[in-house]
């Protein structure tokens, strides 16, 4: 499923890692010195901090799964979908727990 995409995931993972390090550094420095005003830029940085980590985990996981067989790739993709669904639709998680 992801064969041949290992280099693409590798490059994307490296870029995301660098961007996330810069975002975290900016937010930590801003917490002390407050040089970024509240507004659009701060909102973008907060969104990158929140969802960037999940995106980085997904990209690195897809890179690792590109070397594995199709069963592991499907399991990883299903777990990733489960995380995203529960993250964006928390009421789905509550309904799922109530069923159990």
C-alpha atoms as a PDB file:
ATOM      1  CA  UNK A   1       0.000   0.000   0.000  1.00  0.00           C
ATOM      2  CA  UNK A   2       2.791   2.481   0.901  1.00  0.00           C
ATOM      3  CA  UNK A   3       5.665   0.750  -0.924  1.00  0.00           C
ATOM      4  CA  UNK A   4       7.894   3.158  -2.772  1.00  0.00           C
ATOM      5  CA  UNK A   5       6.719   6.079  -0.638  1.00  0.00           C
ATOM      6  CA  UNK A   6       9.417   5.667   2.013  1.00  0.00           C
ATOM      7  CA  UNK A   7      11.545   8.546   0.672  1.00  0.00           C
ATOM      8  CA  UNK A   8       8.534  10.869   0.468  1.00  0.00           C
ATOM      9  CA  UNK A   9       7.500  10.091   4.068  1.00  0.00           C
ATOM     10  CA  UNK A  10      11.134  10.499   5.166  1.00  0.00           C
ATOM     11  CA  UNK A  11      11.445  13.975   3.648  1.00  0.00           C
ATOM     12  CA  UNK A  12       8.017  15.029   4.950  1.00  0.00           C
ATOM     13  CA  UNK A  13       8.913  13.775   8.426  1.00  0.00           C
ATOM     14  CA  UNK A  14      12.157  15.727   8.446  1.00  0.00           C
ATOM     15  CA  UNK A  15      10.431  18.934   7.330  1.00  0.00           C
ATOM     16  CA  UNK A  16       7.651  18.503   9.895  1.00  0.00           C
ATOM     17  CA  UNK A  17      10.150  17.838  12.668  1.00  0.00           C
ATOM     18  CA  UNK A  18      12.047  21.043  11.888  1.00  0.00           C
ATOM     19  CA  UNK A  19       8.830  23.088  11.650  1.00  0.00           C
ATOM     20  CA  UNK A  20       7.561  21.700  14.961  1.00  0.00           C
ATOM     21  CA  UNK A  21      10.850  22.435  16.732  1.00  0.00           C
ATOM     22  CA  UNK A  22      10.652  26.016  15.475  1.00  0.00           C
ATOM     23  CA  UNK A  23       6.998  26.333  16.527  1.00  0.00           C
ATOM     24  CA  UNK A  24       7.686  24.992  20.015  1.00  0.00           C
ATOM     25  CA  UNK A  25      10.748  27.249  20.368  1.00  0.00           C
ATOM     26  CA  UNK A  26       8.765  30.313  19.290  1.00  0.00           C
ATOM     27  CA  UNK A  27       5.915  29.516  21.668  1.00  0.00           C
ATOM     28  CA  UNK A  28       8.232  28.877  24.612  1.00  0.00           C
ATOM     29  CA  UNK A  29      10.209  32.076  23.993  1.00  0.00           C
ATOM     30  CA  UNK A  30       6.955  33.993  23.474  1.00  0.00           C
ATOM     31  CA  UNK A  31       5.661  32.745  26.824  1.00  0.00           C
ATOM     32  CA  UNK A  32       8.498  34.648  28.506  1.00  0.00           C
ATOM     33  CA  UNK A  33       8.932  37.734  26.297  1.00  0.00           C
ATOM     34  CA  UNK A  34       5.531  38.025  24.527  1.00  0.00           C
ATOM     35  CA  UNK A  35       6.756  39.405  21.216  1.00  0.00           C
ATOM     36  CA  UNK A  36       4.026  37.709  19.137  1.00  0.00           C
ATOM     37  CA  UNK A  37       0.733  39.633  19.444  1.00  0.00           C
ATOM     38  CA  UNK A  38      -2.529  37.763  19.874  1.00  0.00           C
ATOM     39  CA  UNK A  39      -4.141  37.269  16.519  1.00  0.00           C
ATOM     40  CA  UNK A  40      -3.790  35.249  13.388  1.00  0.00           C
ATOM     41  CA  UNK A  41      -0.102  34.312  13.727  1.00  0.00           C
ATOM     42  CA  UNK A  42      -0.540  33.159  17.310  1.00  0.00           C
ATOM     43  CA  UNK A  43      -3.604  31.115  16.337  1.00  0.00           C
ATOM     44  CA  UNK A  44      -1.666  29.449  13.512  1.00  0.00           C
ATOM     45  CA  UNK A  45       1.185  28.582  15.871  1.00  0.00           C
ATOM     46  CA  UNK A  46      -1.250  27.144  18.431  1.00  0.00           C
ATOM     47  CA  UNK A  47      -2.936  25.005  15.768  1.00  0.00           C
ATOM     48  CA  UNK A  48       0.442  23.791  14.502  1.00  0.00           C
ATOM     49  CA  UNK A  49       1.421  22.881  18.051  1.00  0.00           C
ATOM     50  CA  UNK A  50      -1.810  20.982  18.630  1.00  0.00           C
ATOM     51  CA  UNK A  51      -2.165  19.056  15.386  1.00  0.00           C
ATOM     52  CA  UNK A  52       1.440  19.074  14.171  1.00  0.00           C
ATOM     53  CA  UNK A  53       2.496  16.428  16.664  1.00  0.00           C
ATOM     54  CA  UNK A  54      -0.228  14.061  15.475  1.00  0.00           C
ATOM     55  CA  UNK A  55       0.731  14.762  11.875  1.00  0.00           C
ATOM     56  CA  UNK A  56       4.397  14.058  12.621  1.00  0.00           C
ATOM     57  CA  UNK A  57       3.514  10.769  14.328  1.00  0.00           C
ATOM     58  CA  UNK A  58       1.369   9.828  11.329  1.00  0.00           C
ATOM     59  CA  UNK A  59       4.095  10.621   8.794  1.00  0.00           C
ATOM     60  CA  UNK A  60       6.825   8.798  10.726  1.00  0.00           C
ATOM     61  CA  UNK A  61       4.486   5.860  11.264  1.00  0.00           C
ATOM     62  CA  UNK A  62       3.661   5.719   7.563  1.00  0.00           C
ATOM     63  CA  UNK A  63       7.379   5.780   6.804  1.00  0.00           C
ATOM     64  CA  UNK A  64       7.929   2.858   9.158  1.00  0.00           C
ATOM     65  CA  UNK A  65       4.932   0.954   7.775  1.00  0.00           C
ATOM     66  CA  UNK A  66       6.114   1.397   4.188  1.00  0.00           C
ATOM     67  CA  UNK A  67       8.736  -1.271   4.975  1.00  0.00           C
ATOM     68  CA  UNK A  68       6.189  -3.714   6.423  1.00  0.00           C
ATOM     69  CA  UNK A  69       3.599  -5.993   4.894  1.00  0.00           C
ATOM     70  CA  UNK A  70       0.053  -4.977   4.057  1.00  0.00           C
ATOM     71  CA  UNK A  71      -1.438  -6.316   7.318  1.00  0.00           C
ATOM     72  CA  UNK A  72       0.635  -3.978   9.484  1.00  0.00           C
ATOM     73  CA  UNK A  73      -0.076  -1.087   7.129  1.00  0.00           C
ATOM     74  CA  UNK A  74      -3.825  -1.635   7.398  1.00  0.00           C
ATOM     75  CA  UNK A  75      -3.673  -1.949  11.194  1.00  0.00           C
ATOM     76  CA  UNK A  76      -1.654   1.266  11.468  1.00  0.00           C
ATOM     77  CA  UNK A  77      -3.968   3.140   9.089  1.00  0.00           C
ATOM     78  CA  UNK A  78      -7.043   1.924  11.017  1.00  0.00           C
ATOM     79  CA  UNK A  79      -5.585   3.037  14.345  1.00  0.00           C
ATOM     80  CA  UNK A  80      -4.652   6.396  12.852  1.00  0.00           C
ATOM     81  CA  UNK A  81      -8.191   6.862  11.544  1.00  0.00           C
ATOM     82  CA  UNK A  82      -9.560   5.909  14.959  1.00  0.00           C
ATOM     83  CA  UNK A  83      -7.410   8.558  16.652  1.00  0.00           C
ATOM     84  CA  UNK A  84      -8.436  11.259  14.182  1.00  0.00           C
ATOM     85  CA  UNK A  85     -12.148  10.424  14.417  1.00  0.00           C
ATOM     86  CA  UNK A  86     -12.090  10.466  18.214  1.00  0.00           C
ATOM     87  CA  UNK A  87     -10.029  13.663  18.205  1.00  0.00           C
ATOM     88  CA  UNK A  88     -12.363  15.636  15.940  1.00  0.00           C
ATOM     89  CA  UNK A  89     -15.610  14.018  17.093  1.00  0.00           C
ATOM     90  CA  UNK A  90     -15.325  13.474  20.868  1.00  0.00           C
ATOM     91  CA  UNK A  91     -19.007  12.588  21.129  1.00  0.00           C
ATOM     92  CA  UNK A  92     -18.237   9.500  19.021  1.00  0.00           C
ATOM     93  CA  UNK A  93     -15.844   8.369  21.739  1.00  0.00           C
ATOM     94  CA  UNK A  94     -18.540   8.810  24.387  1.00  0.00           C
ATOM     95  CA  UNK A  95     -21.058   6.867  22.302  1.00  0.00           C
ATOM     96  CA  UNK A  96     -18.497   4.119  21.749  1.00  0.00           C
ATOM     97  CA  UNK A  97     -17.728   3.872  25.484  1.00  0.00           C
ATOM     98  CA  UNK A  98     -21.444   3.798  26.323  1.00  0.00           C
ATOM     99  CA  UNK A  99     -21.871   0.783  24.052  1.00  0.00           C
ATOM    100  CA  UNK A 100     -19.273  -1.129  26.040  1.00  0.00           C
END
